Every structure is written in structure tokens, then in C-alpha cells.
Amino acid sequence: MKDKINKRLDQSILEANVLFKEFLAAWVMYTIGRNNLPNIANDTAISPCVGYKQRFEPIPIAVIKRFVTGYPHFVLEVYQGKFVYLVNQLMDDLFCILLDEHLGKTRPFVELKTQQVKIDFSTEEDLITQLKENCARDFTFYRYSDRLKIVNNALNLSNDGHDELVNIKKHILIRNVLQHSNGVVDNHMLKELGLKEFELADEQGKMMTYTKGDKIMLSIPELYSLMSSFLGIVQEWRVT
């Protein structure tokens, strides 16, 4: 189990570092474009390809310039979502490794406790394969806090990294708010956090307070804090 777990964790470290560099590249390209866009005449038009031998109607640069201020928030939201995906994918993969170890009688997966799994006796697929696939599928639908508790209890015996786990949970909930509430803090998010307010770093790294009804504004320092928390908890989950 040690080698499988640690290999997957090493992969996550690599993925997180590459992803942050990819984000910085996108940010630099945006900055260069933003600085040069004013030098392009407003009546200049672009006509992007939208299909085979098909182009969109010409769009004046003046129209493009209207979106300059909103674009950085879009980029931050995209890459914050990519980091959240890394967290979820890692938990799914670690769950499958732990389940395999249990079924192979290498390490009991006692943290999973009692599970109800549907078995289809009308198929030729063996029962163990069905059990693994159905357990893994069901795990993806658990609440984030339940999924995290199962994996963390299995791999983080000393229960270290509390601050990192709290920060990751905050960003999971931020992702949900960005997707379902147009980025506006709602009661559900605050209830899940167990708080009336929370903090996010602004563009200068200064902590800003958010409460119900506030529009979430991500920043490079906040995205970096998410990556740092992710890398921190990965080290806590390493098997020695």
C-alpha cells in the first residue's frame, strides 16, 4: 500500500505545481494583452473560426476591450476549479487504493464502516469487481466533508494539517458558490463552514472578510494559499 499511496501523492504534487505554472502563464499572457490592447484601433475587427469554413461575424476591438476588467476573475475562477478537481480526483483515487488493500486483505479499511452496495446477479461480472466499482461510484456522491473524513482518518493518523483541511474545504464550497450562486456567499456555505464570516486574500495578500451576500473575488495570493494547503495535506497523507 505504501508505494501505491505515495506514488499517487507524488503525482498530485507534480500536477499541482504544473497547474500553478500554467495559471501564471495564462496570467502573464492576459497582462501582456491587456497592456497592448489600448494600442489597437477600436475599429479593428476580429473574426474567429467557429466551425469548418465558418467564421463568426466581425467583432470590433472596442467590444473586446469592454471585457478586460472581468477577464482576470474568469481566469482565477477557472484555475481555482482546476485545483478543486485535483483535490476531488486525489480523494477518489486514494479511496480506490484503500478499498483494493482491504479486499486484498492487506490493510483493513475500517474507516469506511458499513456500506450498502447493490449487486447485480443478472450479469456475468464477478462480485468483487461490482463491489469495487459500485463503492467507488457511491463515494464520488458523498458530501465533501464525509469523503475527506474517510480518507483523512485512514491516512492522517495524527490528524495534523487542520488549517490546510479547513482552507481546502472553504475552496470546495467557494467552487459550489461560483457554480450555483454566481459567486455570492449564501447561507449554505456559511453553515457548512460553521461560521458567520470568513476571510480571503485580496490581490495584495491582505485578508478581506466575507459574509452572506458578498460577491467572492479570488486573487493570486488566495489561489496560492489553496495550492499550499493542498501540498501540505498531501504530505500529511504520505505513508512512512
Protein backbone atom coordinates (compact mmCIF):
# COMPACT_ATOMS: atom_id res chain seq x y z
CA MET A 1 0.00 0.00 0.00
CA LYS A 2 2.81 2.42 0.89
CA ASP A 3 4.22 2.55 -2.63
CA LYS A 4 0.81 2.94 -4.29
CA ILE A 5 -0.30 5.73 -1.96
CA ASN A 6 2.97 7.65 -2.12
CA LYS A 7 3.22 7.30 -5.90
CA ARG A 8 -0.25 8.80 -6.26
CA LEU A 9 0.64 11.61 -3.85
CA ASP A 10 3.83 12.36 -5.80
CA GLN A 11 1.72 12.59 -8.95
CA SER A 12 -0.54 15.12 -7.23
CA ILE A 13 2.43 17.25 -6.20
CA LEU A 14 3.62 17.34 -9.80
CA GLU A 15 0.12 18.11 -11.12
CA ALA A 16 -0.38 20.96 -8.64
CA ASN A 17 2.95 22.61 -9.47
CA VAL A 18 2.37 22.29 -13.22
CA LEU A 19 -1.15 23.66 -12.86
CA PHE A 20 0.00 26.74 -10.94
CA LYS A 21 2.69 27.45 -13.54
CA GLU A 22 0.07 27.03 -16.27
CA PHE A 23 -2.10 29.55 -14.45
CA LEU A 24 0.80 32.01 -14.19
CA ALA A 25 1.44 31.62 -17.92
CA ALA A 26 -2.21 32.44 -18.63
CA TRP A 27 -1.98 35.44 -16.29
CA VAL A 28 1.16 36.75 -17.99
CA MET A 29 -0.44 36.39 -21.42
CA TYR A 30 -3.50 38.24 -20.15
CA THR A 31 -1.31 41.02 -18.71
CA ILE A 32 0.63 41.41 -21.95
CA GLY A 33 -2.60 41.50 -23.93
CA ARG A 34 -4.21 43.99 -21.56
CA ASN A 35 -1.22 46.32 -21.80
CA ASN A 36 -1.19 46.20 -25.60
CA LEU A 37 -4.92 46.24 -26.27
CA PRO A 38 -5.23 50.04 -25.93
CA ASN A 39 -2.74 50.41 -28.79
CA ILE A 40 -5.09 48.67 -31.22
CA ALA A 41 -7.60 50.89 -33.04
CA ASN A 42 -11.18 50.45 -31.90
CA ASP A 43 -12.45 49.86 -35.42
CA THR A 44 -10.10 46.93 -35.93
CA ALA A 45 -12.16 43.74 -36.11
CA ILE A 46 -11.54 40.06 -35.45
CA SER A 47 -13.47 37.16 -36.95
CA PRO A 48 -12.67 33.89 -35.14
CA CYS A 49 -13.23 30.48 -36.70
CA VAL A 50 -16.31 28.83 -35.14
CA GLY A 51 -16.64 25.85 -37.48
CA TYR A 52 -15.35 24.24 -40.66
CA LYS A 53 -15.04 27.06 -43.19
CA GLN A 54 -17.20 29.16 -40.88
CA ARG A 55 -16.26 32.37 -39.12
CA PHE A 56 -18.09 34.49 -36.62
CA GLU A 57 -19.24 37.92 -37.71
CA PRO A 58 -16.50 40.56 -37.29
CA ILE A 59 -16.18 41.84 -33.73
CA PRO A 60 -14.68 45.32 -33.26
CA ILE A 61 -11.78 45.52 -30.80
CA ALA A 62 -13.81 48.18 -28.99
CA VAL A 63 -16.23 45.43 -27.91
CA ILE A 64 -13.38 43.18 -26.74
CA LYS A 65 -11.99 45.99 -24.60
CA ARG A 66 -15.21 46.02 -22.55
CA PHE A 67 -14.35 42.62 -21.08
CA VAL A 68 -10.81 43.46 -19.96
CA THR A 69 -11.70 44.12 -16.32
CA GLY A 70 -13.72 40.94 -15.92
CA TYR A 71 -11.30 38.58 -17.60
CA PRO A 72 -8.84 38.15 -14.68
CA HIS A 73 -11.69 36.99 -12.43
CA PHE A 74 -12.67 34.47 -15.08
CA VAL A 75 -9.11 33.09 -15.27
CA LEU A 76 -8.89 32.81 -11.47
CA GLU A 77 -12.22 31.01 -11.27
CA VAL A 78 -11.18 28.56 -13.98
CA TYR A 79 -7.93 27.61 -12.26
CA GLN A 80 -9.50 27.53 -8.80
CA GLY A 81 -11.89 24.98 -10.25
CA LYS A 82 -8.98 23.00 -11.67
CA PHE A 83 -7.36 22.84 -8.22
CA VAL A 84 -10.64 21.71 -6.66
CA TYR A 85 -10.76 18.99 -9.30
CA LEU A 86 -7.25 17.85 -8.27
CA VAL A 87 -8.44 17.52 -4.67
CA ASN A 88 -11.50 15.51 -5.61
CA GLN A 89 -9.61 13.28 -8.04
CA LEU A 90 -6.93 12.55 -5.46
CA MET A 91 -9.52 11.55 -2.85
CA ASP A 92 -11.26 9.27 -5.35
CA ASP A 93 -8.00 7.55 -6.29
CA LEU A 94 -6.85 7.15 -2.68
CA PHE A 95 -10.24 5.68 -1.80
CA CYS A 96 -9.85 3.07 -4.55
CA ILE A 97 -6.35 2.15 -3.35
CA LEU A 98 -7.58 1.76 0.23
CA LEU A 99 -10.52 -0.33 -0.97
CA ASP A 100 -8.22 -2.59 -3.00
CA GLU A 101 -5.98 -3.07 0.01
CA HIS A 102 -8.98 -4.08 2.11
CA LEU A 103 -10.27 -6.57 -0.44
CA GLY A 104 -6.75 -7.94 -0.83
CA LYS A 105 -6.59 -8.35 2.95
CA THR A 106 -3.50 -6.14 3.12
CA ARG A 107 -4.98 -3.36 5.23
CA PRO A 108 -8.50 -3.26 6.73
CA PHE A 109 -10.44 -0.20 5.52
CA VAL A 110 -12.23 0.20 8.85
CA GLU A 111 -12.75 3.93 8.27
CA LEU A 112 -15.34 3.09 5.62
CA LYS A 113 -17.53 1.41 8.24
CA THR A 114 -20.83 -0.08 6.99
CA GLN A 115 -21.77 0.34 3.34
CA GLN A 116 -24.81 -0.71 1.34
CA VAL A 117 -23.77 -1.89 -2.10
CA LYS A 118 -26.05 -3.11 -4.89
CA ILE A 119 -25.01 -6.32 -6.61
CA ASP A 120 -26.44 -7.36 -9.98
CA PHE A 121 -26.74 -11.15 -10.17
CA SER A 122 -28.07 -10.99 -13.73
CA THR A 123 -24.65 -10.05 -15.10
CA GLU A 124 -21.59 -12.22 -15.63
CA GLU A 125 -19.38 -9.58 -13.99
CA ASP A 126 -17.82 -11.01 -10.85
CA LEU A 127 -19.00 -9.80 -7.46
CA ILE A 128 -15.67 -8.30 -6.37
CA THR A 129 -15.49 -6.14 -9.49
CA GLN A 130 -19.05 -4.97 -8.95
CA LEU A 131 -18.33 -4.25 -5.30
CA LYS A 132 -15.27 -2.15 -6.12
CA GLU A 133 -16.93 -0.22 -8.93
CA ASN A 134 -20.13 0.48 -7.01
CA CYS A 135 -18.30 1.52 -3.83
CA ALA A 136 -16.05 3.86 -5.83
CA ARG A 137 -19.04 5.34 -7.68
CA ASP A 138 -21.02 5.86 -4.48
CA PHE A 139 -18.01 7.54 -2.84
CA THR A 140 -17.98 10.26 -5.51
CA PHE A 141 -21.50 11.28 -4.45
CA TYR A 142 -20.73 11.61 -0.74
CA ARG A 143 -20.66 15.06 0.78
CA TYR A 144 -17.19 16.55 0.57
CA SER A 145 -16.79 16.57 4.36
CA ASP A 146 -17.67 12.86 4.55
CA ARG A 147 -15.28 11.93 1.74
CA LEU A 148 -12.48 13.91 3.31
CA LYS A 149 -13.13 12.41 6.75
CA ILE A 150 -12.85 8.85 5.41
CA VAL A 151 -9.56 9.46 3.55
CA ASN A 152 -8.05 11.66 6.24
CA ASN A 153 -8.88 9.23 9.05
CA ALA A 154 -7.23 6.44 7.07
CA LEU A 155 -4.01 8.26 6.19
CA ASN A 156 -3.58 11.05 8.72
CA LEU A 157 -3.44 9.13 11.99
CA SER A 158 -2.09 12.10 13.95
CA ASN A 159 -4.84 14.33 12.48
CA ASP A 160 -2.36 17.08 11.63
CA GLY A 161 -2.94 19.73 8.96
CA HIS A 162 -6.18 21.10 10.43
CA ASP A 163 -5.70 24.57 8.91
CA GLU A 164 -4.95 23.09 5.50
CA LEU A 165 -8.08 20.94 5.59
CA VAL A 166 -10.23 23.91 6.60
CA ASN A 167 -8.82 26.01 3.76
CA ILE A 168 -9.41 23.25 1.21
CA LYS A 169 -12.99 22.81 2.44
CA LYS A 170 -13.51 26.56 2.11
CA HIS A 171 -12.43 26.42 -1.51
CA ILE A 172 -14.62 23.42 -2.27
CA LEU A 173 -17.57 25.47 -1.02
CA ILE A 174 -16.38 28.55 -2.93
CA ARG A 175 -16.41 26.44 -6.07
CA ASN A 176 -20.01 25.44 -5.40
CA VAL A 177 -20.98 29.07 -4.85
CA LEU A 178 -19.27 30.15 -8.07
CA GLN A 179 -21.17 27.49 -9.98
CA HIS A 180 -24.59 27.75 -8.37
CA SER A 181 -24.90 31.21 -6.79
CA ASN A 182 -22.97 33.40 -9.24
CA GLY A 183 -20.20 33.76 -6.68
CA VAL A 184 -22.41 35.23 -3.95
CA VAL A 185 -21.91 33.88 -0.43
CA ASP A 186 -25.07 32.13 0.76
CA ASN A 187 -26.39 30.57 3.97
CA HIS A 188 -25.47 27.05 2.88
CA MET A 189 -21.80 27.91 2.51
CA LEU A 190 -21.63 29.60 5.90
CA LYS A 191 -23.49 26.71 7.53
CA GLU A 192 -21.09 24.17 6.03
CA LEU A 193 -18.14 26.22 7.30
CA GLY A 194 -19.78 26.64 10.70
CA LEU A 195 -19.05 30.37 10.50
CA LYS A 196 -20.86 33.66 10.11
CA GLU A 197 -17.97 35.08 8.08
CA PHE A 198 -14.66 34.00 6.56
CA GLU A 199 -11.58 35.57 5.00
CA LEU A 200 -9.98 35.58 1.57
CA ALA A 201 -6.75 37.24 0.49
CA ASP A 202 -7.05 40.17 -1.91
CA GLU A 203 -4.64 40.97 -4.77
CA GLN A 204 -2.06 42.34 -2.31
CA GLY A 205 -2.41 39.41 0.10
CA LYS A 206 -4.45 41.40 2.62
CA MET A 207 -7.18 39.35 4.29
CA MET A 208 -10.70 40.53 3.49
CA THR A 209 -13.82 39.46 5.39
CA TYR A 210 -16.78 37.90 3.55
CA THR A 211 -20.28 37.23 4.84
CA LYS A 212 -23.72 36.43 3.41
CA GLY A 213 -24.49 38.35 0.23
CA ASP A 214 -20.89 39.27 -0.56
CA LYS A 215 -19.50 38.63 -4.04
CA ILE A 216 -16.44 36.39 -3.90
CA MET A 217 -13.35 37.86 -5.54
CA LEU A 218 -10.45 35.46 -5.95
CA SER A 219 -6.82 36.53 -6.23
CA ILE A 220 -3.39 35.10 -6.98
CA PRO A 221 -2.48 35.02 -3.25
CA GLU A 222 -5.71 33.14 -2.48
CA LEU A 223 -5.12 30.63 -5.27
CA TYR A 224 -1.58 30.15 -3.99
CA SER A 225 -2.94 29.51 -0.49
CA LEU A 226 -5.16 26.77 -1.91
CA MET A 227 -2.21 25.14 -3.65
CA SER A 228 -0.10 25.41 -0.50
CA SER A 229 -2.84 23.79 1.60
CA PHE A 230 -3.22 21.02 -0.95
CA LEU A 231 0.52 20.31 -0.97
CA GLY A 232 0.57 20.46 2.82
CA ILE A 233 -2.17 17.87 3.31
CA VAL A 234 -0.59 15.65 0.65
CA GLN A 235 2.48 15.46 2.89
CA GLU A 236 0.30 14.55 5.88
CA TRP A 237 -1.23 11.69 3.88
CA ARG A 238 2.15 10.26 2.91
CA VAL A 239 2.71 6.74 4.24
CA THR A 240 6.03 6.29 6.06
